């Protein structure tokens, strides 16, 4: 159940991420097409050189290549969504993290997982089974008591017509005390105790594994939260830088290459933000 839930959430978020990235890459191509048009106009009036035009054409070709890659990723995510969810994706709503349902501290999260994780519960039951197996094996050394009773009633005894009916009851009790055994019982007891020790080690190992998984997931979640703040600041700074470089390019203080570089930096920052938002939600699950 946990695996199905995580796969579903991941497939949903992957499709949201790849849809947003595809939209970003398509808008980037539109911007690069406009940039190429402006560069060609400036080239026609002698403001820039042929090199600037070639740089704009190269950036546009690279942008179209990124669109093709984004389309391929989107198609793959749609196929995965169909496999995991079982239906074709419609219009997906934005998702929100679920870590608000978790304890607010790492020790609390570890305590909850150690108590409720299915792997730990399974290991605990295995310990209980092994403990009962030891008791069963030790039972072979104890005395055994068996009791057998019978009761009979006969009507109209053929041997004596004066007797209408007879009753007969008996009880037999048997006590068996082991005096000598070849050692097989002791061997089975030792084997059961060793198995019990193994199951207890398995329980400790399961708890350690779950703790490692929780700590690792908690660290990924913290990193994803911090990464969102960093990429948001990166996007804001890239937007400001691009606007400034465009203004400087109009007065000849910047080249076309500077504008194209700033545009690509902004696109990369926006893609990183979308990816960070995706990682934030998936890490919370």
Protein backbone atom coordinates (compact mmCIF):
# COMPACT_ATOMS: atom_id res chain seq x y z
CA UNK A 1 0.00 0.00 0.00
CA UNK A 2 2.79 2.42 0.84
CA UNK A 3 4.57 1.63 -2.43
CA UNK A 4 1.40 2.14 -4.47
CA UNK A 5 0.72 5.46 -2.74
CA UNK A 6 4.27 6.73 -3.29
CA UNK A 7 4.28 5.60 -6.94
CA UNK A 8 0.98 7.36 -7.56
CA UNK A 9 2.13 10.60 -5.95
CA UNK A 10 5.44 10.46 -7.85
CA UNK A 11 3.75 9.78 -11.20
CA UNK A 12 1.33 12.66 -10.59
CA UNK A 13 4.10 15.10 -9.68
CA UNK A 14 6.35 13.94 -12.54
CA UNK A 15 3.60 14.74 -15.02
CA UNK A 16 2.99 18.13 -13.44
CA UNK A 17 6.72 18.90 -13.56
CA UNK A 18 7.21 17.79 -17.15
CA UNK A 19 4.11 19.69 -18.28
CA UNK A 20 5.44 22.88 -16.70
CA UNK A 21 8.92 22.37 -18.15
CA UNK A 22 7.48 21.79 -21.63
CA UNK A 23 5.51 25.03 -21.34
CA UNK A 24 8.64 26.89 -20.21
CA UNK A 25 10.70 25.55 -23.12
CA UNK A 26 8.01 26.47 -25.64
CA UNK A 27 7.79 30.01 -24.30
CA UNK A 28 11.56 30.19 -24.40
CA UNK A 29 11.48 29.32 -28.10
CA UNK A 30 8.96 32.11 -28.69
CA UNK A 31 11.27 34.58 -26.92
CA UNK A 32 14.28 33.35 -28.89
CA UNK A 33 12.37 33.70 -32.16
CA UNK A 34 11.57 37.30 -31.30
CA UNK A 35 15.20 37.84 -30.28
CA UNK A 36 16.36 36.46 -33.65
CA UNK A 37 13.94 38.72 -35.50
CA UNK A 38 15.20 41.78 -33.65
CA UNK A 39 18.81 40.78 -34.22
CA UNK A 40 18.23 40.40 -37.95
CA UNK A 41 16.56 43.82 -38.08
CA UNK A 42 19.52 45.38 -36.29
CA UNK A 43 21.87 43.55 -38.64
CA UNK A 44 20.06 44.98 -41.65
CA UNK A 45 20.65 48.52 -40.37
CA UNK A 46 24.27 47.79 -39.47
CA UNK A 47 23.97 47.86 -35.65
CA UNK A 48 25.22 44.27 -35.16
CA UNK A 49 27.36 41.84 -37.09
CA UNK A 50 26.67 38.54 -38.74
CA UNK A 51 28.13 36.87 -35.67
CA UNK A 52 25.27 38.18 -33.53
CA UNK A 53 22.74 36.75 -35.97
CA UNK A 54 24.49 33.37 -35.91
CA UNK A 55 24.48 33.36 -32.11
CA UNK A 56 20.74 34.08 -32.06
CA UNK A 57 20.12 31.31 -34.61
CA UNK A 58 22.20 28.88 -32.57
CA UNK A 59 20.29 29.70 -29.38
CA UNK A 60 16.98 29.21 -31.17
CA UNK A 61 18.09 25.82 -32.50
CA UNK A 62 19.20 24.77 -29.01
CA UNK A 63 15.85 25.96 -27.62
CA UNK A 64 13.94 23.86 -30.14
CA UNK A 65 16.07 20.89 -29.19
CA UNK A 66 15.11 21.42 -25.54
CA UNK A 67 11.45 21.51 -26.57
CA UNK A 68 11.81 18.13 -28.28
CA UNK A 69 13.48 16.70 -25.17
CA UNK A 70 10.74 18.14 -22.95
CA UNK A 71 8.07 16.64 -25.21
CA UNK A 72 9.73 13.23 -24.95
CA UNK A 73 9.84 13.47 -21.15
CA UNK A 74 6.21 14.58 -21.08
CA UNK A 75 5.14 11.62 -23.23
CA UNK A 76 7.01 9.22 -20.96
CA UNK A 77 5.39 10.74 -17.87
CA UNK A 78 1.93 10.39 -19.43
CA UNK A 79 2.62 6.71 -20.10
CA UNK A 80 3.83 6.16 -16.53
CA UNK A 81 0.79 7.98 -15.16
CA UNK A 82 -1.48 5.73 -17.21
CA UNK A 83 0.32 2.65 -15.91
CA UNK A 84 0.27 3.63 -12.23
CA UNK A 85 -3.07 5.44 -11.94
CA UNK A 86 -4.99 3.36 -14.47
CA UNK A 87 -6.58 6.17 -16.47
CA UNK A 88 -5.54 8.88 -18.88
CA UNK A 89 -4.52 12.12 -17.18
CA UNK A 90 -6.92 15.02 -17.42
CA UNK A 91 -6.29 18.51 -16.16
CA UNK A 92 -4.16 18.02 -13.07
CA UNK A 93 -4.56 20.34 -10.11
CA UNK A 94 -1.50 21.69 -8.30
CA UNK A 95 -0.41 19.41 -5.48
CA UNK A 96 0.56 20.32 -1.94
CA UNK A 97 3.01 18.67 0.47
CA UNK A 98 1.72 16.25 3.09
CA UNK A 99 4.42 16.61 5.73
CA UNK A 100 1.98 18.68 7.82
CA UNK A 101 0.55 15.32 8.93
CA UNK A 102 3.94 14.25 10.28
CA UNK A 103 5.50 14.96 13.68
CA UNK A 104 7.28 18.28 13.75
CA UNK A 105 10.63 16.83 14.82
CA UNK A 106 12.91 14.10 13.55
CA UNK A 107 12.91 12.11 16.84
CA UNK A 108 9.11 12.10 16.76
CA UNK A 109 9.10 10.85 13.17
CA UNK A 110 11.55 8.08 14.05
CA UNK A 111 9.40 7.04 17.02
CA UNK A 112 6.24 6.85 14.90
CA UNK A 113 7.97 4.82 12.19
CA UNK A 114 9.61 2.44 14.64
CA UNK A 115 6.22 1.70 16.20
CA UNK A 116 3.95 1.58 13.14
CA UNK A 117 6.02 0.58 10.14
CA UNK A 118 4.80 -2.72 8.61
CA UNK A 119 8.32 -4.11 8.40
CA UNK A 120 8.78 -3.61 12.16
CA UNK A 121 5.35 -5.08 12.92
CA UNK A 122 6.18 -8.14 10.83
CA UNK A 123 9.49 -8.61 12.64
CA UNK A 124 7.73 -8.34 16.02
CA UNK A 125 5.26 -11.07 15.10
CA UNK A 126 8.13 -13.25 13.90
CA UNK A 127 9.74 -12.88 17.33
CA UNK A 128 6.48 -13.94 19.01
CA UNK A 129 6.24 -17.01 16.76
CA UNK A 130 9.85 -17.99 17.50
CA UNK A 131 9.24 -17.60 21.24
CA UNK A 132 6.25 -19.94 21.09
CA UNK A 133 8.32 -22.41 19.07
CA UNK A 134 10.85 -22.56 21.91
CA UNK A 135 8.06 -23.38 24.37
CA UNK A 136 6.76 -26.11 22.08
CA UNK A 137 10.24 -27.64 21.80
CA UNK A 138 10.71 -27.52 25.58
CA UNK A 139 7.36 -29.26 26.01
CA UNK A 140 8.91 -32.50 24.72
CA UNK A 141 10.87 -32.76 28.02
CA UNK A 142 7.82 -32.54 30.28
CA UNK A 143 5.69 -35.45 31.57
CA UNK A 144 2.44 -36.13 29.77
CA UNK A 145 -0.87 -37.19 31.29
CA UNK A 146 -3.64 -38.88 29.36
CA UNK A 147 -7.10 -39.75 30.67
CA UNK A 148 -9.50 -42.12 28.92
CA UNK A 149 -13.05 -42.83 30.08
CA UNK A 150 -15.88 -45.04 28.86
CA UNK A 151 -19.51 -45.58 29.81
CA UNK A 152 -21.93 -48.29 28.62
CA UNK A 153 -25.58 -49.10 29.33
CA UNK A 154 -27.21 -52.41 28.29
CA UNK A 155 -30.94 -53.20 28.25
CA UNK A 156 -32.54 -56.64 28.77
CA UNK A 157 -29.53 -58.78 29.51
CA UNK A 158 -29.96 -62.14 27.73
CA UNK A 159 -28.12 -63.96 30.51
CA UNK A 160 -30.59 -62.97 33.16
CA UNK A 161 -34.19 -62.06 32.39
CA UNK A 162 -34.58 -60.49 35.80
CA UNK A 163 -32.09 -57.77 35.01
CA UNK A 164 -33.65 -55.03 32.93
CA UNK A 165 -30.51 -52.97 32.34
CA UNK A 166 -26.89 -52.73 33.40
CA UNK A 167 -24.37 -49.92 33.64
CA UNK A 168 -20.62 -50.11 33.12
CA UNK A 169 -18.17 -47.20 33.47
CA UNK A 170 -14.39 -47.02 33.61
CA UNK A 171 -11.69 -44.34 33.80
CA UNK A 172 -8.04 -44.94 32.91
CA UNK A 173 -5.33 -42.44 33.65
CA UNK A 174 -1.77 -42.68 32.32
CA UNK A 175 1.25 -40.63 33.41
CA UNK A 176 4.34 -40.78 31.18
CA UNK A 177 7.59 -39.40 32.59
CA UNK A 178 10.61 -39.18 30.23
CA UNK A 179 13.56 -40.98 31.81
CA UNK A 180 16.00 -41.16 28.95
CA UNK A 181 15.99 -39.35 25.61
CA UNK A 182 18.56 -39.59 22.86
CA UNK A 183 19.22 -35.83 22.66
CA UNK A 184 17.08 -34.92 19.67
CA UNK A 185 14.73 -32.90 21.90
CA UNK A 186 17.59 -30.86 23.34
CA UNK A 187 18.89 -30.26 19.83
CA UNK A 188 15.48 -28.96 18.74
CA UNK A 189 15.33 -26.68 21.77
CA UNK A 190 18.74 -25.20 20.98
CA UNK A 191 17.70 -24.76 17.37
CA UNK A 192 14.49 -22.96 18.38
CA UNK A 193 16.41 -20.68 20.74
CA UNK A 194 18.91 -19.81 18.00
CA UNK A 195 16.01 -19.04 15.68
CA UNK A 196 14.52 -16.81 18.37
CA UNK A 197 17.81 -14.94 18.65
CA UNK A 198 17.89 -14.54 14.89
CA UNK A 199 14.36 -13.11 14.82
CA UNK A 200 15.25 -10.65 17.57
CA UNK A 201 18.25 -9.51 15.53
CA UNK A 202 15.96 -9.19 12.51
CA UNK A 203 13.69 -6.92 14.59
CA UNK A 204 16.62 -4.72 15.58
CA UNK A 205 17.79 -4.64 11.97
CA UNK A 206 14.31 -3.67 10.75
CA UNK A 207 14.14 -0.82 13.27
CA UNK A 208 17.60 0.39 12.25
CA UNK A 209 16.66 0.23 8.56
CA UNK A 210 13.45 2.16 9.14
CA UNK A 211 15.31 4.77 11.17
CA UNK A 212 17.82 5.17 8.35
CA UNK A 213 15.02 5.57 5.81
CA UNK A 214 13.25 8.18 7.95
CA UNK A 215 16.40 10.19 8.60
CA UNK A 216 17.31 10.07 4.92
CA UNK A 217 13.82 11.11 3.82
CA UNK A 218 13.76 13.86 6.44
CA UNK A 219 17.05 15.21 5.15
CA UNK A 220 15.79 15.14 1.57
CA UNK A 221 12.68 17.03 2.64
CA UNK A 222 14.71 19.70 4.43
CA UNK A 223 16.95 20.05 1.39
CA UNK A 224 13.93 20.34 -0.91
CA UNK A 225 12.46 23.10 1.25
CA UNK A 226 15.71 25.04 1.22
CA UNK A 227 16.14 24.45 -2.51
CA UNK A 228 12.79 26.10 -3.25
CA UNK A 229 13.85 29.28 -1.46
CA UNK A 230 17.18 29.29 -3.29
CA UNK A 231 15.67 28.73 -6.74
CA UNK A 232 13.00 31.39 -6.15
CA UNK A 233 15.74 33.88 -5.36
CA UNK A 234 17.63 32.67 -8.45
CA UNK A 235 14.60 33.26 -10.67
CA UNK A 236 14.04 36.75 -9.32
CA UNK A 237 17.69 37.69 -9.76
CA UNK A 238 17.76 36.22 -13.29
CA UNK A 239 14.68 38.21 -14.30
CA UNK A 240 16.21 41.43 -13.03
CA UNK A 241 19.52 40.65 -14.74
CA UNK A 242 17.84 39.86 -18.07
CA UNK A 243 15.81 43.06 -18.05
CA UNK A 244 18.92 45.08 -17.26
CA UNK A 245 21.03 43.39 -19.94
CA UNK A 246 18.33 43.99 -22.54
CA UNK A 247 18.27 47.70 -21.72
CA UNK A 248 22.04 47.87 -21.84
CA UNK A 249 22.05 46.04 -25.18
CA UNK A 250 19.76 48.69 -26.67
CA UNK A 251 22.34 51.39 -25.97
CA UNK A 252 25.25 49.25 -27.14
CA UNK A 253 26.74 48.36 -23.77
CA UNK A 254 25.88 44.67 -24.08
CA UNK A 255 26.13 42.20 -26.93
CA UNK A 256 23.54 39.83 -28.32
CA UNK A 257 25.47 36.97 -26.73
CA UNK A 258 25.00 38.56 -23.30
CA UNK A 259 21.25 38.79 -23.85
CA UNK A 260 21.01 35.19 -25.02
CA UNK A 261 23.08 33.98 -22.09
CA UNK A 262 20.88 35.84 -19.63
CA UNK A 263 17.76 34.45 -21.29
CA UNK A 264 19.06 30.89 -21.01
CA UNK A 265 20.04 31.48 -17.38
CA UNK A 266 16.49 32.60 -16.62
CA UNK A 267 14.99 29.54 -18.31
CA UNK A 268 17.32 27.24 -16.40
CA UNK A 269 16.37 28.95 -13.14
CA UNK A 270 12.66 28.52 -13.84
CA UNK A 271 13.15 24.86 -14.71
CA UNK A 272 15.13 24.41 -11.48
CA UNK A 273 12.27 26.02 -9.53
CA UNK A 274 9.71 23.69 -11.09
CA UNK A 275 11.94 20.72 -10.29
CA UNK A 276 12.43 21.92 -6.71
CA UNK A 277 8.68 22.25 -6.21
CA UNK A 278 8.25 18.72 -7.55
CA UNK A 279 10.96 17.38 -5.25
CA UNK A 280 9.37 19.16 -2.27
CA UNK A 281 6.05 17.36 -2.67
CA UNK A 282 7.55 13.95 -3.50
CA UNK A 283 9.95 14.18 -0.55
CA UNK A 284 7.03 14.89 1.77
CA UNK A 285 5.36 11.65 0.65
